[in-house]
């Protein structure tokens, strides 16, 4: 199942709605390239909506960490929204839940970016 990325602008925040599996290959590369393009063009407030992502492998997790670092190093912020219990468990096990700013909804993540 290929990963699709839909972009939506809400004022100065970009919402990336991901659908599909975030795994090694084109999926991870597409997300990495999208984040890089956004940061390079000055969009530094990003909410990644993972509601339709049933599975993330280690490469996908690495892509999220790399994206978080890129956005943070550029002076921006990246938040995760709508993560499944399975993905939340992965973030807990890897202790990345303490790194990412995780929200139950896009609305909550948008409030936190203000």
N, C-alpha and C. Protein backbone atom coordinates (compact mmCIF):
# COMPACT_ATOMS: atom_id res chain seq x y z
N UNK A 1 0.84 -1.18 0.00
CA UNK A 1 0.00 0.00 0.00
C UNK A 1 0.89 1.24 0.00
N UNK A 2 0.84 2.02 -1.04
CA UNK A 2 1.68 3.21 -1.17
C UNK A 2 1.24 4.28 -0.19
N UNK A 3 2.17 5.11 0.19
CA UNK A 3 1.88 6.23 1.08
C UNK A 3 1.46 7.43 0.24
N UNK A 4 0.36 8.05 0.62
CA UNK A 4 -0.03 9.31 -0.02
C UNK A 4 0.08 10.41 1.02
N UNK A 5 0.45 11.59 0.53
CA UNK A 5 0.64 12.75 1.41
C UNK A 5 -0.20 13.89 0.86
N UNK A 6 -1.19 14.30 1.64
CA UNK A 6 -2.03 15.44 1.27
C UNK A 6 -1.60 16.63 2.12
N UNK A 7 -1.39 17.77 1.46
CA UNK A 7 -0.98 18.99 2.17
C UNK A 7 -2.14 19.96 2.29
N UNK A 8 -2.24 20.57 3.45
CA UNK A 8 -3.26 21.59 3.67
C UNK A 8 -2.64 22.72 4.48
N UNK A 9 -2.87 23.94 4.06
CA UNK A 9 -2.37 25.11 4.79
C UNK A 9 -3.48 25.69 5.67
N UNK A 10 -3.16 25.94 6.92
CA UNK A 10 -4.07 26.65 7.83
C UNK A 10 -3.26 27.77 8.44
N UNK A 11 -3.43 28.97 7.89
CA UNK A 11 -2.63 30.14 8.26
C UNK A 11 -1.17 29.80 8.02
N UNK A 12 -0.34 29.79 9.07
CA UNK A 12 1.09 29.54 8.89
C UNK A 12 1.49 28.10 9.23
N UNK A 13 0.50 27.21 9.33
CA UNK A 13 0.76 25.81 9.67
C UNK A 13 0.43 24.92 8.46
N UNK A 14 1.33 23.98 8.18
CA UNK A 14 1.09 23.00 7.12
C UNK A 14 0.68 21.69 7.78
N UNK A 15 -0.46 21.16 7.35
CA UNK A 15 -0.91 19.86 7.83
C UNK A 15 -0.59 18.84 6.74
N UNK A 16 0.14 17.81 7.11
CA UNK A 16 0.44 16.71 6.19
C UNK A 16 -0.39 15.52 6.62
N UNK A 17 -1.38 15.16 5.82
CA UNK A 17 -2.23 14.00 6.13
C UNK A 17 -1.66 12.80 5.38
N UNK A 18 -1.12 11.86 6.13
CA UNK A 18 -0.52 10.67 5.54
C UNK A 18 -1.55 9.54 5.50
N UNK A 19 -1.55 8.79 4.40
CA UNK A 19 -2.41 7.62 4.26
C UNK A 19 -1.59 6.48 3.70
N UNK A 20 -1.58 5.36 4.40
CA UNK A 20 -0.82 4.20 3.96
C UNK A 20 0.27 3.85 4.95
N UNK A 21 1.15 2.98 4.54
CA UNK A 21 2.23 2.51 5.41
C UNK A 21 3.46 3.39 5.25
N UNK A 22 4.05 3.77 6.38
CA UNK A 22 5.28 4.56 6.38
C UNK A 22 6.44 3.59 6.58
N UNK A 23 7.01 3.15 5.46
CA UNK A 23 8.02 2.08 5.49
C UNK A 23 9.21 2.45 4.60
N UNK A 24 10.25 1.62 4.69
CA UNK A 24 11.46 1.81 3.88
C UNK A 24 11.11 1.87 2.40
N UNK A 25 11.74 2.78 1.69
CA UNK A 25 11.53 2.88 0.25
C UNK A 25 10.96 4.23 -0.14
N UNK A 26 10.17 4.21 -1.21
CA UNK A 26 9.60 5.45 -1.72
C UNK A 26 8.77 6.18 -0.69
N UNK A 27 8.08 5.42 0.18
CA UNK A 27 7.22 6.04 1.18
C UNK A 27 8.02 6.97 2.09
N UNK A 28 9.10 6.44 2.66
CA UNK A 28 9.94 7.25 3.54
C UNK A 28 10.58 8.41 2.78
N UNK A 29 11.05 8.12 1.57
CA UNK A 29 11.69 9.16 0.76
C UNK A 29 10.71 10.28 0.42
N UNK A 30 9.47 9.93 0.10
CA UNK A 30 8.47 10.96 -0.23
C UNK A 30 8.23 11.89 0.95
N UNK A 31 8.10 11.32 2.15
CA UNK A 31 7.89 12.16 3.33
C UNK A 31 9.11 13.03 3.59
N UNK A 32 10.29 12.45 3.50
CA UNK A 32 11.54 13.20 3.73
C UNK A 32 11.63 14.37 2.74
N UNK A 33 11.35 14.11 1.47
CA UNK A 33 11.43 15.17 0.45
C UNK A 33 10.37 16.24 0.66
N UNK A 34 9.18 15.85 1.09
CA UNK A 34 8.11 16.81 1.35
C UNK A 34 8.50 17.75 2.49
N UNK A 35 9.01 17.17 3.58
CA UNK A 35 9.42 17.99 4.73
C UNK A 35 10.56 18.93 4.33
N UNK A 36 11.52 18.41 3.58
CA UNK A 36 12.65 19.24 3.16
C UNK A 36 12.18 20.41 2.30
N UNK A 37 11.27 20.13 1.36
CA UNK A 37 10.74 21.18 0.50
C UNK A 37 10.02 22.25 1.33
N UNK A 38 9.22 21.81 2.29
CA UNK A 38 8.49 22.77 3.13
C UNK A 38 9.44 23.66 3.92
N UNK A 39 10.43 23.05 4.55
CA UNK A 39 11.39 23.81 5.35
C UNK A 39 12.19 24.76 4.46
N UNK A 40 12.62 24.26 3.31
CA UNK A 40 13.42 25.09 2.39
C UNK A 40 12.64 26.30 1.86
N UNK A 41 11.30 26.18 1.80
CA UNK A 41 10.48 27.29 1.31
C UNK A 41 9.87 28.12 2.44
N UNK A 42 10.32 27.85 3.68
CA UNK A 42 9.92 28.70 4.80
C UNK A 42 8.72 28.24 5.61
N UNK A 43 8.17 27.08 5.30
CA UNK A 43 7.06 26.54 6.10
C UNK A 43 7.65 25.70 7.22
N UNK A 44 7.63 26.26 8.42
CA UNK A 44 8.34 25.61 9.53
C UNK A 44 7.43 25.17 10.67
N UNK A 45 6.13 25.31 10.49
CA UNK A 45 5.18 24.78 11.47
C UNK A 45 4.41 23.67 10.77
N UNK A 46 4.66 22.44 11.22
CA UNK A 46 4.12 21.28 10.52
C UNK A 46 3.40 20.35 11.50
N UNK A 47 2.21 19.93 11.11
CA UNK A 47 1.46 18.91 11.85
C UNK A 47 1.35 17.69 10.94
N UNK A 48 1.80 16.55 11.42
CA UNK A 48 1.73 15.31 10.65
C UNK A 48 0.57 14.49 11.20
N UNK A 49 -0.47 14.34 10.39
CA UNK A 49 -1.68 13.61 10.76
C UNK A 49 -1.50 12.15 10.36
N UNK A 50 -1.42 11.28 11.37
CA UNK A 50 -1.15 9.86 11.13
C UNK A 50 -2.40 8.99 11.30
N UNK A 51 -3.58 9.58 11.23
CA UNK A 51 -4.84 8.83 11.45
C UNK A 51 -4.98 7.65 10.50
N UNK A 52 -4.51 7.79 9.27
CA UNK A 52 -4.67 6.73 8.26
C UNK A 52 -3.37 5.98 7.99
N UNK A 53 -2.50 5.93 8.99
CA UNK A 53 -1.24 5.19 8.88
C UNK A 53 -1.33 3.99 9.83
N UNK A 54 -1.56 2.80 9.28
CA UNK A 54 -1.72 1.63 10.14
C UNK A 54 -0.39 1.03 10.61
N UNK A 55 0.71 1.37 9.92
CA UNK A 55 1.98 0.69 10.21
C UNK A 55 3.16 1.60 9.90
N UNK A 56 4.13 1.57 10.81
CA UNK A 56 5.40 2.28 10.60
C UNK A 56 6.51 1.29 10.93
N UNK A 57 7.49 1.16 10.02
CA UNK A 57 8.64 0.32 10.33
C UNK A 57 9.78 1.20 10.84
N UNK A 58 10.93 0.60 11.09
CA UNK A 58 12.05 1.35 11.68
C UNK A 58 12.52 2.46 10.74
N UNK A 59 12.47 2.24 9.44
CA UNK A 59 12.87 3.28 8.48
C UNK A 59 11.88 4.45 8.53
N UNK A 60 10.60 4.15 8.63
CA UNK A 60 9.59 5.19 8.74
C UNK A 60 9.77 5.99 10.01
N UNK A 61 10.07 5.29 11.10
CA UNK A 61 10.32 5.96 12.38
C UNK A 61 11.55 6.86 12.27
N UNK A 62 12.58 6.34 11.61
CA UNK A 62 13.79 7.14 11.39
C UNK A 62 13.51 8.38 10.55
N UNK A 63 12.62 8.25 9.58
CA UNK A 63 12.23 9.39 8.76
C UNK A 63 11.53 10.45 9.60
N UNK A 64 10.65 10.03 10.50
CA UNK A 64 9.97 10.99 11.38
C UNK A 64 10.98 11.70 12.30
N UNK A 65 11.94 10.94 12.83
CA UNK A 65 12.96 11.54 13.69
C UNK A 65 13.80 12.54 12.90
N UNK A 66 14.21 12.15 11.70
CA UNK A 66 15.01 13.03 10.84
C UNK A 66 14.23 14.29 10.47
N UNK A 67 12.95 14.13 10.15
CA UNK A 67 12.10 15.28 9.80
C UNK A 67 11.97 16.20 11.00
N UNK A 68 11.76 15.63 12.18
CA UNK A 68 11.64 16.42 13.40
C UNK A 68 12.92 17.24 13.63
N UNK A 69 14.07 16.60 13.46
CA UNK A 69 15.35 17.28 13.64
C UNK A 69 15.53 18.40 12.61
N UNK A 70 15.18 18.14 11.36
CA UNK A 70 15.32 19.15 10.30
C UNK A 70 14.46 20.37 10.59
N UNK A 71 13.21 20.12 10.96
CA UNK A 71 12.29 21.22 11.25
C UNK A 71 12.77 22.00 12.48
N UNK A 72 13.17 21.28 13.52
CA UNK A 72 13.64 21.93 14.75
C UNK A 72 14.90 22.75 14.50
N UNK A 73 15.84 22.20 13.73
CA UNK A 73 17.09 22.90 13.43
C UNK A 73 16.85 24.16 12.61
N UNK A 74 15.73 24.20 11.87
CA UNK A 74 15.38 25.38 11.08
C UNK A 74 14.58 26.39 11.91
N UNK A 75 14.40 26.08 13.20
CA UNK A 75 13.67 27.00 14.07
C UNK A 75 12.17 26.79 14.05
N UNK A 76 11.73 25.64 13.54
CA UNK A 76 10.30 25.37 13.44
C UNK A 76 9.84 24.35 14.46
N UNK A 77 8.61 23.87 14.25
CA UNK A 77 8.06 22.85 15.14
C UNK A 77 7.28 21.83 14.31
N UNK A 78 7.38 20.58 14.74
CA UNK A 78 6.64 19.50 14.08
C UNK A 78 5.90 18.72 15.14
N UNK A 79 4.60 18.54 14.91
CA UNK A 79 3.77 17.82 15.86
C UNK A 79 3.13 16.63 15.16
N UNK A 80 2.90 15.56 15.92
CA UNK A 80 2.21 14.38 15.41
C UNK A 80 0.79 14.38 15.95
N UNK A 81 -0.16 14.00 15.10
CA UNK A 81 -1.56 13.96 15.52
C UNK A 81 -2.21 12.65 15.10
N UNK A 82 -3.20 12.24 15.87
CA UNK A 82 -4.02 11.07 15.54
C UNK A 82 -3.23 9.78 15.38
N UNK A 83 -2.28 9.53 16.28
CA UNK A 83 -1.53 8.28 16.14
C UNK A 83 -2.35 7.13 16.73
N UNK A 84 -2.20 5.97 16.11
CA UNK A 84 -2.91 4.78 16.57
C UNK A 84 -2.26 4.24 17.84
N UNK A 85 -2.95 3.35 18.52
CA UNK A 85 -2.39 2.74 19.72
C UNK A 85 -1.11 1.99 19.39
N UNK A 86 -1.10 1.32 18.25
CA UNK A 86 0.08 0.56 17.83
C UNK A 86 1.30 1.48 17.66
N UNK A 87 1.09 2.62 17.00
CA UNK A 87 2.19 3.56 16.79
C UNK A 87 2.58 4.22 18.11
N UNK A 88 1.59 4.50 18.95
CA UNK A 88 1.88 5.07 20.27
C UNK A 88 2.75 4.10 21.08
N UNK A 89 2.43 2.81 21.01
CA UNK A 89 3.22 1.80 21.71
C UNK A 89 4.66 1.78 21.20
N UNK A 90 4.84 1.90 19.89
CA UNK A 90 6.18 1.93 19.31
C UNK A 90 6.95 3.15 19.83
N UNK A 91 6.28 4.30 19.88
CA UNK A 91 6.93 5.51 20.39
C UNK A 91 7.29 5.35 21.87
N UNK A 92 6.45 4.67 22.63
CA UNK A 92 6.74 4.42 24.05
C UNK A 92 7.94 3.50 24.21
N UNK A 93 7.94 2.40 23.47
CA UNK A 93 9.03 1.41 23.57
C UNK A 93 10.37 2.04 23.22
N UNK A 94 10.38 2.87 22.19
CA UNK A 94 11.62 3.49 21.72
C UNK A 94 11.95 4.78 22.48
N UNK A 95 11.08 5.16 23.42
CA UNK A 95 11.23 6.38 24.22
C UNK A 95 11.11 7.65 23.36
N UNK A 96 10.65 7.52 22.13
CA UNK A 96 10.49 8.68 21.25
C UNK A 96 9.25 9.49 21.61
N UNK A 97 8.39 8.93 22.45
CA UNK A 97 7.21 9.68 22.88
C UNK A 97 7.64 10.92 23.67
N UNK A 98 8.86 10.88 24.24
CA UNK A 98 9.38 12.04 24.97
C UNK A 98 10.00 13.07 24.04
N UNK A 99 10.27 12.67 22.79
CA UNK A 99 10.87 13.57 21.81
C UNK A 99 9.79 14.31 21.02
N UNK A 100 8.82 13.55 20.52
CA UNK A 100 7.76 14.13 19.70
C UNK A 100 6.70 14.80 20.54
N UNK A 101 6.10 15.83 19.97
CA UNK A 101 4.94 16.48 20.56
C UNK A 101 3.72 15.81 19.95
N UNK A 102 3.08 14.90 20.71
CA UNK A 102 2.00 14.06 20.20
C UNK A 102 0.65 14.60 20.69
N UNK A 103 -0.31 14.68 19.76
CA UNK A 103 -1.64 15.18 20.08
C UNK A 103 -2.71 14.19 19.62
N UNK A 104 -3.85 14.20 20.32
CA UNK A 104 -4.95 13.30 19.99
C UNK A 104 -5.66 13.69 18.70
N UNK A 105 -5.56 14.96 18.32
CA UNK A 105 -6.26 15.43 17.13
C UNK A 105 -5.46 16.53 16.44
N UNK A 106 -5.82 16.77 15.19
CA UNK A 106 -5.19 17.87 14.45
C UNK A 106 -5.55 19.20 15.12
N UNK A 107 -6.78 19.32 15.56
CA UNK A 107 -7.22 20.56 16.21
C UNK A 107 -6.36 20.87 17.45
N UNK A 108 -6.09 19.85 18.24
CA UNK A 108 -5.26 20.03 19.42
C UNK A 108 -3.83 20.43 19.03
N UNK A 109 -3.30 19.79 17.99
CA UNK A 109 -1.95 20.12 17.52
C UNK A 109 -1.90 21.56 16.99
N UNK A 110 -2.95 21.98 16.29
CA UNK A 110 -3.00 23.35 15.77
C UNK A 110 -3.03 24.37 16.91
N UNK A 111 -3.79 24.08 17.97
CA UNK A 111 -3.82 24.99 19.12
C UNK A 111 -2.45 25.11 19.75
N UNK A 112 -1.71 24.01 19.79
CA UNK A 112 -0.39 24.01 20.40
C UNK A 112 0.66 24.73 19.58
N UNK A 113 0.39 24.97 18.30
CA UNK A 113 1.35 25.68 17.45
C UNK A 113 1.19 27.19 17.55
N UNK A 114 0.09 27.64 18.12
CA UNK A 114 -0.19 29.09 18.20
C UNK A 114 0.74 29.77 19.17
